Protein backbone atom coordinates (compact mmCIF):
# COMPACT_ATOMS: atom_id res chain seq x y z
CA UNK A 1 -32.40 11.73 9.98
CA UNK A 2 -30.98 11.56 6.48
CA UNK A 3 -27.60 10.00 5.83
CA UNK A 4 -24.70 12.16 4.73
CA UNK A 5 -22.66 11.06 1.71
CA UNK A 6 -18.89 11.03 1.46
CA UNK A 7 -17.68 10.75 -2.14
CA UNK A 8 -14.27 9.14 -2.70
CA UNK A 9 -12.56 9.64 -6.04
CA UNK A 10 -9.46 7.94 -7.40
CA UNK A 11 -8.03 5.54 -9.96
CA UNK A 12 -6.02 2.31 -9.88
CA UNK A 13 -3.55 1.87 -7.03
CA UNK A 14 -0.19 0.29 -7.70
CA UNK A 15 1.03 -0.59 -4.21
CA UNK A 16 -0.35 -3.04 -1.68
CA UNK A 17 0.04 -0.34 0.98
CA UNK A 18 -2.22 2.07 -0.92
CA UNK A 19 -4.72 -0.70 -1.60
CA UNK A 20 -4.95 -1.53 2.12
CA UNK A 21 -5.24 2.17 2.95
CA UNK A 22 -8.17 2.50 0.53
CA UNK A 23 -10.00 -0.38 2.20
CA UNK A 24 -9.30 1.09 5.63
CA UNK A 25 -10.67 4.45 4.45
CA UNK A 26 -13.93 2.88 3.29
CA UNK A 27 -14.34 0.98 6.54
CA UNK A 28 -13.62 4.08 8.63
CA UNK A 29 -16.14 6.20 6.71
CA UNK A 30 -18.85 3.54 7.05
CA UNK A 31 -18.08 3.20 10.76
CA UNK A 32 -19.01 6.88 11.11
CA UNK A 33 -22.47 6.13 9.71
CA UNK A 34 -21.88 7.86 6.36
CA UNK A 35 -22.95 6.56 2.96
CA UNK A 36 -19.84 5.86 0.88
CA UNK A 37 -20.05 6.84 -2.80
CA UNK A 38 -17.49 6.12 -5.53
CA UNK A 39 -17.40 5.67 -9.29
CA UNK A 40 -18.24 2.00 -8.68
CA UNK A 41 -15.70 0.41 -11.04
CA UNK A 42 -13.30 -2.44 -10.28
CA UNK A 43 -10.35 -1.16 -12.31
CA UNK A 44 -7.33 -3.11 -13.50
CA UNK A 45 -6.90 -6.29 -11.45
CA UNK A 46 -9.49 -5.07 -8.90
CA UNK A 47 -7.15 -2.33 -7.66
CA UNK A 48 -9.19 0.84 -8.15
CA UNK A 49 -9.83 3.23 -5.29
CA UNK A 50 -13.50 2.99 -6.22
CA UNK A 51 -13.68 -0.77 -5.67
CA UNK A 52 -11.39 -1.00 -2.64
CA UNK A 53 -13.09 1.81 -0.71
CA UNK A 54 -16.46 0.14 -1.29
CA UNK A 55 -15.03 -3.22 -0.20
CA UNK A 56 -13.77 -1.68 3.03
CA UNK A 57 -17.11 0.00 3.69
CA UNK A 58 -18.94 -3.31 3.28
CA UNK A 59 -17.00 -4.72 6.25
CA UNK A 60 -19.32 -2.58 8.39
CA UNK A 61 -22.61 -4.37 9.02
CA UNK A 62 -25.59 -2.70 7.33
CA UNK A 63 -23.46 0.01 5.71
CA UNK A 64 -24.66 1.56 2.45
CA UNK A 65 -22.44 2.03 -0.59
CA UNK A 66 -23.17 3.72 -3.90
CA UNK A 67 -21.45 3.34 -7.26
CA UNK A 68 -22.11 5.94 -9.96
CA UNK A 69 -21.13 4.07 -13.11
CA UNK A 70 -20.29 5.30 -16.61
CA UNK A 71 -22.09 2.44 -18.37
CA UNK A 72 -25.74 1.83 -19.18
CA UNK A 73 -25.81 -1.58 -17.51
CA UNK A 74 -23.83 -3.95 -15.34
CA UNK A 75 -20.62 -5.30 -16.84
CA UNK A 76 -17.29 -6.85 -15.82
CA UNK A 77 -16.14 -3.50 -14.37
CA UNK A 78 -19.08 -3.12 -11.96
CA UNK A 79 -17.97 -3.49 -8.34
CA UNK A 80 -19.96 -6.08 -6.43
CA UNK A 81 -19.46 -3.95 -3.33
CA UNK A 82 -21.82 -1.21 -4.53
CA UNK A 83 -25.22 -1.69 -2.88
CA UNK A 84 -26.81 1.00 -5.04
CA UNK A 85 -25.59 1.01 -8.63
CA UNK A 86 -26.47 4.06 -10.67
CA UNK A 87 -25.92 3.32 -14.36
CA UNK A 88 -25.65 6.68 -16.09
CA UNK A 89 -24.65 5.82 -19.66
CA UNK A 90 -22.72 9.10 -19.47
CA UNK A 91 -19.12 7.83 -19.52
CA UNK A 92 -16.88 10.56 -18.02
CA UNK A 93 -19.75 13.04 -17.79
CA UNK A 94 -20.91 11.06 -14.75
CA UNK A 95 -18.15 12.76 -12.78
CA UNK A 96 -20.44 15.69 -12.09
CA UNK A 97 -22.96 13.32 -10.46
CA UNK A 98 -20.18 11.82 -8.32
CA UNK A 99 -19.07 15.11 -6.84
CA UNK A 100 -22.41 16.89 -6.56
CA UNK A 101 -23.86 13.89 -4.70
CA UNK A 102 -21.22 14.01 -1.99
CA UNK A 103 -21.31 16.30 1.02
CA UNK A 104 -17.51 16.01 1.13
CA UNK A 105 -15.19 14.85 -1.68
CA UNK A 106 -12.01 12.90 -0.99
CA UNK A 107 -9.40 12.42 -3.72
CA UNK A 108 -7.27 9.38 -2.91
CA UNK A 109 -3.88 8.56 -4.38
CA UNK A 110 -2.22 9.54 -7.64
CA UNK A 111 -4.39 12.01 -9.51
CA UNK A 112 -5.28 10.98 -13.07
CA UNK A 113 -7.31 13.05 -15.58
CA UNK A 114 -10.64 11.57 -14.41
CA UNK A 115 -9.93 12.26 -10.76
CA UNK A 116 -8.57 15.71 -11.62
CA UNK A 117 -11.83 16.55 -13.38
CA UNK A 118 -13.79 15.45 -10.32
CA UNK A 119 -11.65 17.53 -7.97
CA UNK A 120 -11.94 20.56 -10.26
CA UNK A 121 -15.74 20.18 -10.43
CA UNK A 122 -15.95 19.82 -6.66
CA UNK A 123 -13.87 22.95 -6.10
CA UNK A 124 -15.92 24.88 -8.67
CA UNK A 125 -19.07 23.76 -6.82
CA UNK A 126 -17.50 24.83 -3.50
CA UNK A 127 -17.61 21.33 -2.06
CA UNK A 128 -15.08 20.54 0.67
CA UNK A 129 -12.23 18.60 -0.98
CA UNK A 130 -9.65 16.56 0.91
CA UNK A 131 -6.51 15.21 -0.75
CA UNK A 132 -5.32 11.96 0.84
CA UNK A 133 -2.12 10.26 -0.30
CA UNK A 134 -2.16 12.53 -3.36
CA UNK A 135 0.86 13.20 -5.55
CA UNK A 136 2.82 16.48 -5.28
CA UNK A 137 1.60 17.92 -8.61
CA UNK A 138 -2.03 17.49 -7.57
CA UNK A 139 -1.35 19.01 -4.17
CA UNK A 140 0.35 22.02 -5.76
CA UNK A 141 -2.55 22.60 -8.16
CA UNK A 142 -5.61 21.86 -6.06
CA UNK A 143 -4.45 23.65 -2.92
CA UNK A 144 -3.98 26.84 -4.91
CA UNK A 145 -7.25 27.19 -6.85
CA UNK A 146 -10.90 27.74 -6.01
CA UNK A 147 -12.75 29.85 -3.49
CA UNK A 148 -12.01 27.17 -0.88
CA UNK A 149 -8.94 25.24 -2.07
CA UNK A 150 -8.49 21.57 -1.33
CA UNK A 151 -6.91 20.57 1.97
CA UNK A 152 -4.20 17.96 2.29
CA UNK A 153 -4.64 15.37 5.04
CA UNK A 154 -1.71 13.23 6.11
CA UNK A 155 -3.44 10.44 8.04
CA UNK A 156 -6.74 8.62 8.27
CA UNK A 157 -7.38 10.18 11.68
CA UNK A 158 -6.82 13.67 10.29
CA UNK A 159 -9.06 12.88 7.31
CA UNK A 160 -11.92 11.74 9.55
CA UNK A 161 -11.55 14.85 11.72
CA UNK A 162 -11.72 17.05 8.61
CA UNK A 163 -14.81 15.27 7.30
CA UNK A 164 -16.45 15.73 10.73
CA UNK A 165 -15.69 19.46 10.53
CA UNK A 166 -17.97 19.59 7.50
CA UNK A 167 -20.61 16.97 8.32
CA UNK A 168 -21.71 15.26 11.49
CA UNK A 169 -21.34 11.50 11.87
CA UNK A 170 -24.47 9.58 11.00
CA UNK A 171 -26.41 7.30 13.30
CA UNK A 172 -24.89 3.82 13.70
CA UNK A 173 -25.84 1.24 11.09
CA UNK A 174 -28.35 -1.11 12.72
CA UNK A 175 -30.37 -4.06 11.51
């Protein structure tokens, strides 16, 4: 049975509450047996959604995490929590790889231009998109465009239920 991939997009998080929520999201996704994919970067002061979601996922024994990176090689921005590191050398153009690789795309937190481009690409590609802890402007925009607009989820439990509507949980991670 192949593993399903959940792609989580987002930028730096400014509050400790959001940072904890990102780690909890990664752990919850990995607990469902899904591969967790992000942009694989640490961000400012190690506070990016990408890094924190991967860190949370790695709390689950034998979980698999993927970082799709903009650089050509490892550097100070590469998250150590990415098991598989895909160095694209494509800078922001890598965003298409991020979203097309995921079976479901989650946008977490305040939406910046990079995350907005990923959400737009996912909607254009008719991928299921979930907005979690997103700002009002992003919610207004992304829930009103596309053949299947993004859905807002208010809690981690609701998010997991929505992901399960689109993909089945994977087998447990075993040694």
